[in-house]
Amino acid sequence: MDDWGWGGMPLAVYRRMLAAAPADRRIQEMIMTTRHLTRLLGIELPIIQAPMAGASSPAMAAAVSEAGALGSIGVGATDAG
């Protein structure tokens, strides 16, 4: 396992945070799910840009992706033809 946990947090700090509140299982589950999602998607931050048709652009999606989150391009209002 690497030395980094959720959102770039050092793994030791991440583990201490989990141990500090063992009674609140929902928070622990949320953190573990978030960590799994960020690793699965290959992103650093648990942020997914909404694909806003007409408001988002490839440049915006690229900037979000370069910042460590998941950028999206809205294509719902585009014509397939």
C-alpha atoms as a PDB file:
ATOM      1  CA  MET A   1       0.000   0.000   0.000  1.00  0.00           C
ATOM      2  CA  ASP A   2       1.273   3.479  -0.767  1.00  0.00           C
ATOM      3  CA  ASP A   3       1.866   6.288   1.763  1.00  0.00           C
ATOM      4  CA  TRP A   4      -1.099   8.398   0.688  1.00  0.00           C
ATOM      5  CA  GLY A   5      -4.730   8.099   1.697  1.00  0.00           C
ATOM      6  CA  TRP A   6      -7.856  10.035   0.851  1.00  0.00           C
ATOM      7  CA  GLY A   7      -7.405  13.237  -1.161  1.00  0.00           C
ATOM      8  CA  GLY A   8      -3.619  13.317  -0.838  1.00  0.00           C
ATOM      9  CA  MET A   9      -3.799  12.987   2.945  1.00  0.00           C
ATOM     10  CA  PRO A  10      -0.838  11.058   4.406  1.00  0.00           C
ATOM     11  CA  LEU A  11      -1.919   7.517   5.215  1.00  0.00           C
ATOM     12  CA  ALA A  12      -0.869   7.827   8.877  1.00  0.00           C
ATOM     13  CA  VAL A  13      -3.161  10.849   9.371  1.00  0.00           C
ATOM     14  CA  TYR A  14      -5.941   9.040   7.512  1.00  0.00           C
ATOM     15  CA  ARG A  15      -5.642   6.005   9.801  1.00  0.00           C
ATOM     16  CA  ARG A  16      -5.616   8.176  12.945  1.00  0.00           C
ATOM     17  CA  MET A  17      -8.760   9.906  11.732  1.00  0.00           C
ATOM     18  CA  LEU A  18     -10.497   6.558  11.251  1.00  0.00           C
ATOM     19  CA  ALA A  19      -9.390   5.321  14.683  1.00  0.00           C
ATOM     20  CA  ALA A  20     -10.518   8.517  16.426  1.00  0.00           C
ATOM     21  CA  ALA A  21     -14.211   7.982  15.647  1.00  0.00           C
ATOM     22  CA  PRO A  22     -14.855   4.223  15.531  1.00  0.00           C
ATOM     23  CA  ALA A  23     -18.482   4.680  16.626  1.00  0.00           C
ATOM     24  CA  ASP A  24     -19.460   6.584  13.497  1.00  0.00           C
ATOM     25  CA  ARG A  25     -19.321   3.771  10.950  1.00  0.00           C
ATOM     26  CA  ARG A  26     -21.080   5.841   8.262  1.00  0.00           C
ATOM     27  CA  ILE A  27     -18.186   8.310   8.095  1.00  0.00           C
ATOM     28  CA  GLN A  28     -15.676   5.468   7.896  1.00  0.00           C
ATOM     29  CA  GLU A  29     -17.644   3.815   5.094  1.00  0.00           C
ATOM     30  CA  MET A  30     -17.905   7.106   3.210  1.00  0.00           C
ATOM     31  CA  ILE A  31     -14.160   7.690   3.460  1.00  0.00           C
ATOM     32  CA  MET A  32     -13.357   4.156   2.305  1.00  0.00           C
ATOM     33  CA  THR A  33     -15.818   4.425  -0.601  1.00  0.00           C
ATOM     34  CA  THR A  34     -14.357   7.781  -1.607  1.00  0.00           C
ATOM     35  CA  ARG A  35     -10.841   6.401  -1.462  1.00  0.00           C
ATOM     36  CA  HIS A  36     -11.840   3.417  -3.593  1.00  0.00           C
ATOM     37  CA  LEU A  37     -13.564   5.689  -6.131  1.00  0.00           C
ATOM     38  CA  THR A  38     -10.577   8.027  -6.457  1.00  0.00           C
ATOM     39  CA  ARG A  39      -8.229   5.092  -7.019  1.00  0.00           C
ATOM     40  CA  LEU A  40     -10.615   3.426  -9.466  1.00  0.00           C
ATOM     41  CA  LEU A  41     -10.939   6.613 -11.546  1.00  0.00           C
ATOM     42  CA  GLY A  42      -7.278   7.552 -11.174  1.00  0.00           C
ATOM     43  CA  ILE A  43      -8.043  10.968  -9.690  1.00  0.00           C
ATOM     44  CA  GLU A  44      -6.674  12.737  -6.622  1.00  0.00           C
ATOM     45  CA  LEU A  45      -9.809  14.540  -5.455  1.00  0.00           C
ATOM     46  CA  PRO A  46     -13.299  13.097  -4.927  1.00  0.00           C
ATOM     47  CA  ILE A  47     -14.803  15.788  -7.175  1.00  0.00           C
ATOM     48  CA  ILE A  48     -16.670  15.103 -10.412  1.00  0.00           C
ATOM     49  CA  GLN A  49     -17.488  18.079 -12.614  1.00  0.00           C
ATOM     50  CA  ALA A  50     -21.095  18.061 -13.771  1.00  0.00           C
ATOM     51  CA  PRO A  51     -21.331  17.748 -17.577  1.00  0.00           C
ATOM     52  CA  MET A  52     -23.240  21.001 -18.130  1.00  0.00           C
ATOM     53  CA  ALA A  53     -24.294  21.147 -21.791  1.00  0.00           C
ATOM     54  CA  GLY A  54     -23.733  24.637 -23.137  1.00  0.00           C
ATOM     55  CA  ALA A  55     -21.812  25.806 -20.060  1.00  0.00           C
ATOM     56  CA  SER A  56     -18.859  23.433 -19.956  1.00  0.00           C
ATOM     57  CA  SER A  57     -16.125  23.195 -22.544  1.00  0.00           C
ATOM     58  CA  PRO A  58     -13.206  20.914 -23.338  1.00  0.00           C
ATOM     59  CA  ALA A  59     -10.901  23.539 -21.794  1.00  0.00           C
ATOM     60  CA  MET A  60     -12.927  23.520 -18.562  1.00  0.00           C
ATOM     61  CA  ALA A  61     -12.909  19.707 -18.400  1.00  0.00           C
ATOM     62  CA  ALA A  62      -9.147  19.724 -19.008  1.00  0.00           C
ATOM     63  CA  ALA A  63      -8.583  22.293 -16.239  1.00  0.00           C
ATOM     64  CA  VAL A  64     -10.668  20.250 -13.784  1.00  0.00           C
ATOM     65  CA  SER A  65      -8.772  17.092 -14.741  1.00  0.00           C
ATOM     66  CA  GLU A  66      -5.387  18.811 -14.415  1.00  0.00           C
ATOM     67  CA  ALA A  67      -6.407  19.948 -10.917  1.00  0.00           C
ATOM     68  CA  GLY A  68      -6.858  16.295  -9.880  1.00  0.00           C
ATOM     69  CA  ALA A  69     -10.617  15.847 -10.240  1.00  0.00           C
ATOM     70  CA  LEU A  70     -12.750  14.217 -12.961  1.00  0.00           C
ATOM     71  CA  GLY A  71     -13.653  16.627 -15.756  1.00  0.00           C
ATOM     72  CA  SER A  72     -16.706  16.038 -17.948  1.00  0.00           C
ATOM     73  CA  ILE A  73     -17.986  17.496 -21.207  1.00  0.00           C
ATOM     74  CA  GLY A  74     -21.733  17.993 -21.577  1.00  0.00           C
ATOM     75  CA  VAL A  75     -22.989  16.704 -24.912  1.00  0.00           C
ATOM     76  CA  GLY A  76     -26.744  16.442 -24.212  1.00  0.00           C
ATOM     77  CA  ALA A  77     -27.563  19.527 -26.262  1.00  0.00           C
ATOM     78  CA  THR A  78     -25.372  18.595 -29.238  1.00  0.00           C
ATOM     79  CA  ASP A  79     -26.536  17.082 -32.494  1.00  0.00           C
ATOM     80  CA  ALA A  80     -25.237  13.603 -33.282  1.00  0.00           C
ATOM     81  CA  GLY A  81     -25.356  14.245 -36.992  1.00  0.00           C
END
